[in-house]
């Protein structure tokens, strides 16, 4: 773990919501592989990972998505567009798939996780694992991805300004039981993006941090 506190704060102060990407600059393959793994490694409630991350690089498709992104060019001009899609509804099969993966990775059998399964199913039956719950999980992934990008010198722009239904239609997500939660274009800022040099506006430390 070689990142220092100073390195972290430098990266977070450097980061901003990039308004104009340079379409000629692409993220190197090794850097992108690490960023994809940062998505895979995202924590989630109960470890259920109710998501799929679509990396959209087809330029024609991205141009189509601009029309459904409030005409924001970031989705077309970035290096890699990440569409964070989440489950429309969790079901028993989703829970069992997670238990199978636990057994595969840690050893043992799904039967040995019967107590955990009972707890998960009880939580599901109580209506906790809603579409909104899944969407909140995507925001955990968004935060982790943006921080990872900042540490590697890659620009991002978290985006809620889009029409989910149109994204779902163009990407064929409904048939997969998924819906678009949030977007995150990634790449490199354009030299003409005036927002890159503006001071970062945040409330003062003592206004938002309280020790008890």
Protein backbone atom coordinates (compact mmCIF):
# COMPACT_ATOMS: atom_id res chain seq x y z
CA UNK A 1 0.00 0.00 0.00
CA UNK A 2 2.23 2.80 -1.28
CA UNK A 3 -0.31 5.64 -1.57
CA UNK A 4 0.29 8.30 1.06
CA UNK A 5 -2.37 10.53 2.64
CA UNK A 6 -0.89 13.43 0.67
CA UNK A 7 -1.10 11.45 -2.59
CA UNK A 8 -4.76 10.66 -1.94
CA UNK A 9 -5.70 14.28 -1.23
CA UNK A 10 -3.74 15.48 -4.27
CA UNK A 11 -5.67 13.07 -6.50
CA UNK A 12 -9.04 14.04 -5.03
CA UNK A 13 -8.31 17.75 -5.39
CA UNK A 14 -7.20 17.17 -8.99
CA UNK A 15 -10.40 15.31 -9.82
CA UNK A 16 -13.43 17.20 -11.08
CA UNK A 17 -16.57 16.40 -13.06
CA UNK A 18 -15.08 16.63 -16.52
CA UNK A 19 -17.31 18.57 -18.89
CA UNK A 20 -15.21 18.21 -22.06
CA UNK A 21 -13.19 15.08 -22.84
CA UNK A 22 -10.44 14.93 -25.45
CA UNK A 23 -11.71 12.28 -27.88
CA UNK A 24 -8.20 11.72 -29.25
CA UNK A 25 -6.83 10.51 -25.92
CA UNK A 26 -7.48 6.91 -24.92
CA UNK A 27 -6.88 5.18 -21.60
CA UNK A 28 -3.96 2.71 -21.88
CA UNK A 29 -4.99 -0.94 -21.81
CA UNK A 30 -3.17 -1.80 -18.57
CA UNK A 31 -4.69 1.20 -16.82
CA UNK A 32 -8.16 0.28 -18.02
CA UNK A 33 -7.78 -3.32 -16.88
CA UNK A 34 -6.98 -2.08 -13.37
CA UNK A 35 -10.01 0.22 -13.44
CA UNK A 36 -12.27 -2.62 -14.52
CA UNK A 37 -10.97 -4.67 -11.62
CA UNK A 38 -11.78 -1.76 -9.28
CA UNK A 39 -15.39 -2.21 -10.40
CA UNK A 40 -15.25 -5.96 -9.81
CA UNK A 41 -13.83 -5.36 -6.32
CA UNK A 42 -16.60 -2.95 -5.27
CA UNK A 43 -18.22 -3.89 -1.94
CA UNK A 44 -22.00 -4.31 -1.77
CA UNK A 45 -24.70 -4.98 0.79
CA UNK A 46 -24.57 -8.66 1.82
CA UNK A 47 -21.98 -9.08 -0.96
CA UNK A 48 -24.83 -9.63 -3.43
CA UNK A 49 -23.40 -7.43 -6.21
CA UNK A 50 -26.76 -6.65 -7.91
CA UNK A 51 -25.15 -5.09 -10.97
CA UNK A 52 -23.51 -5.33 -14.34
CA UNK A 53 -21.05 -2.76 -15.68
CA UNK A 54 -21.34 -2.17 -19.40
CA UNK A 55 -18.25 -0.66 -21.02
CA UNK A 56 -19.48 1.06 -24.17
CA UNK A 57 -16.80 1.76 -26.79
CA UNK A 58 -18.84 1.39 -29.98
CA UNK A 59 -18.74 4.98 -31.27
CA UNK A 60 -21.94 4.75 -33.28
CA UNK A 61 -23.82 3.50 -30.25
CA UNK A 62 -22.37 6.22 -28.06
CA UNK A 63 -23.47 8.88 -30.52
CA UNK A 64 -26.99 7.48 -30.30
CA UNK A 65 -26.82 7.72 -26.52
CA UNK A 66 -25.99 11.44 -26.64
CA UNK A 67 -29.58 12.18 -27.66
CA UNK A 68 -30.77 10.45 -24.47
CA UNK A 69 -28.15 12.10 -22.24
CA UNK A 70 -29.47 15.66 -22.33
CA UNK A 71 -27.14 16.25 -25.33
CA UNK A 72 -24.09 15.91 -23.10
CA UNK A 73 -21.11 15.01 -25.26
CA UNK A 74 -19.16 13.29 -22.49
CA UNK A 75 -20.76 9.94 -23.31
CA UNK A 76 -19.44 10.11 -26.87
CA UNK A 77 -16.12 11.91 -26.43
CA UNK A 78 -14.72 10.01 -23.44
CA UNK A 79 -12.32 7.10 -23.83
CA UNK A 80 -14.55 4.55 -22.07
CA UNK A 81 -18.21 4.94 -21.12
CA UNK A 82 -19.29 2.89 -18.11
CA UNK A 83 -23.02 2.26 -17.83
CA UNK A 84 -23.78 0.98 -14.33
CA UNK A 85 -26.85 -1.22 -14.59
CA UNK A 86 -28.61 -2.86 -11.68
CA UNK A 87 -31.19 -5.57 -11.08
CA UNK A 88 -34.79 -4.61 -11.69
CA UNK A 89 -35.76 -7.11 -9.01
CA UNK A 90 -33.71 -9.51 -6.92
CA UNK A 91 -34.90 -13.10 -6.76
CA UNK A 92 -34.02 -16.43 -5.19
CA UNK A 93 -31.81 -17.40 -8.11
CA UNK A 94 -29.69 -14.26 -7.59
CA UNK A 95 -29.14 -15.17 -3.96
CA UNK A 96 -28.25 -18.76 -4.81
CA UNK A 97 -25.80 -17.61 -7.48
CA UNK A 98 -23.99 -15.57 -4.84
CA UNK A 99 -23.87 -18.53 -2.45
CA UNK A 100 -22.47 -20.75 -5.19
CA UNK A 101 -19.75 -18.20 -5.84
CA UNK A 102 -18.88 -18.02 -2.13
CA UNK A 103 -18.51 -21.80 -2.04
CA UNK A 104 -16.41 -21.75 -5.21
CA UNK A 105 -14.03 -19.09 -3.93
CA UNK A 106 -13.79 -20.03 -0.25
CA UNK A 107 -14.38 -23.76 -0.43
CA UNK A 108 -17.15 -25.82 1.06
CA UNK A 109 -20.64 -26.25 -0.32
CA UNK A 110 -23.70 -24.03 -0.62
CA UNK A 111 -25.36 -26.30 1.99
CA UNK A 112 -22.84 -25.09 4.55
CA UNK A 113 -24.23 -21.58 4.00
CA UNK A 114 -27.82 -22.56 4.82
CA UNK A 115 -28.00 -20.15 7.76
CA UNK A 116 -26.78 -17.26 5.65
CA UNK A 117 -29.20 -18.19 2.89
CA UNK A 118 -32.11 -18.23 5.34
CA UNK A 119 -31.20 -14.76 6.55
CA UNK A 120 -30.88 -13.43 2.97
CA UNK A 121 -34.18 -14.94 1.90
CA UNK A 122 -35.89 -13.50 4.97
CA UNK A 123 -34.50 -10.06 4.18
CA UNK A 124 -35.63 -10.42 0.56
CA UNK A 125 -39.14 -11.48 1.59
CA UNK A 126 -39.41 -8.45 3.84
CA UNK A 127 -39.07 -6.29 0.73
CA UNK A 128 -35.64 -4.88 1.53
CA UNK A 129 -33.94 -5.72 -1.77
CA UNK A 130 -35.84 -3.25 -3.94
CA UNK A 131 -34.85 -1.62 -7.23
CA UNK A 132 -33.93 1.49 -5.23
CA UNK A 133 -31.69 -0.63 -2.98
CA UNK A 134 -29.92 -1.98 -6.06
CA UNK A 135 -29.44 1.54 -7.40
CA UNK A 136 -27.83 2.62 -4.13
CA UNK A 137 -25.36 -0.23 -4.52
CA UNK A 138 -24.37 1.20 -7.92
CA UNK A 139 -23.41 4.46 -6.24
CA UNK A 140 -20.92 2.57 -4.08
CA UNK A 141 -19.35 1.31 -7.31
CA UNK A 142 -19.43 4.81 -8.76
CA UNK A 143 -17.52 6.25 -5.82
CA UNK A 144 -14.92 3.50 -5.85
CA UNK A 145 -14.44 3.79 -9.61
CA UNK A 146 -14.03 7.58 -9.52
CA UNK A 147 -11.49 7.38 -6.71
CA UNK A 148 -9.53 4.66 -8.52
CA UNK A 149 -9.54 6.78 -11.67
CA UNK A 150 -8.32 9.85 -9.79
CA UNK A 151 -5.44 7.89 -8.27
CA UNK A 152 -4.41 6.76 -11.76
CA UNK A 153 -4.75 10.19 -13.33
CA UNK A 154 -7.90 9.38 -15.30
CA UNK A 155 -10.74 11.89 -15.55
CA UNK A 156 -14.39 11.01 -14.90
CA UNK A 157 -17.82 12.60 -14.92
CA UNK A 158 -20.61 10.98 -12.86
CA UNK A 159 -23.87 11.46 -14.75
CA UNK A 160 -27.51 11.18 -13.78
CA UNK A 161 -28.63 13.36 -16.68
CA UNK A 162 -29.99 10.71 -19.02
CA UNK A 163 -33.22 8.89 -19.85
CA UNK A 164 -33.00 5.42 -18.26
CA UNK A 165 -35.78 3.94 -20.38
CA UNK A 166 -34.02 4.91 -23.60
CA UNK A 167 -30.69 3.54 -22.38
CA UNK A 168 -32.39 0.31 -21.37
CA UNK A 169 -33.97 0.08 -24.82
CA UNK A 170 -30.80 0.77 -26.80
CA UNK A 171 -28.69 -1.56 -24.65
CA UNK A 172 -31.27 -4.35 -24.42
CA UNK A 173 -31.20 -4.31 -20.64
CA UNK A 174 -34.81 -5.15 -19.84
CA UNK A 175 -34.40 -8.62 -21.34
CA UNK A 176 -31.50 -9.16 -18.91
CA UNK A 177 -33.57 -8.03 -15.94
CA UNK A 178 -31.47 -4.88 -15.63
CA UNK A 179 -31.98 -1.13 -15.72
CA UNK A 180 -29.55 1.76 -16.07
CA UNK A 181 -28.70 3.33 -12.69
CA UNK A 182 -25.91 5.84 -13.36
CA UNK A 183 -23.24 6.64 -15.95
CA UNK A 184 -19.54 7.38 -15.62
CA UNK A 185 -17.59 8.46 -18.70
CA UNK A 186 -13.83 8.12 -18.20
CA UNK A 187 -10.91 9.48 -20.20
CA UNK A 188 -8.81 12.63 -20.30
CA UNK A 189 -9.89 16.25 -20.01
CA UNK A 190 -9.73 18.52 -23.06
CA UNK A 191 -7.38 21.47 -22.87
CA UNK A 192 -10.35 23.75 -23.56
CA UNK A 193 -12.41 22.58 -20.58
CA UNK A 194 -12.53 25.73 -18.46
CA UNK A 195 -13.93 23.82 -15.50
CA UNK A 196 -10.60 22.03 -15.07
CA UNK A 197 -8.93 25.14 -13.63
CA UNK A 198 -11.78 26.49 -11.51
CA UNK A 199 -11.31 26.25 -7.72
CA UNK A 200 -13.14 23.32 -6.15
CA UNK A 201 -16.15 24.57 -4.18
CA UNK A 202 -16.91 22.66 -1.00
CA UNK A 203 -18.31 23.65 2.37
CA UNK A 204 -15.67 24.17 5.05
CA UNK A 205 -14.38 21.13 6.88
CA UNK A 206 -16.08 22.03 10.16
CA UNK A 207 -19.40 22.57 8.39
CA UNK A 208 -19.61 18.97 7.22
CA UNK A 209 -17.44 17.01 9.66
CA UNK A 210 -18.61 16.58 13.26
CA UNK A 211 -16.76 14.61 15.92
CA UNK A 212 -18.66 13.14 18.82
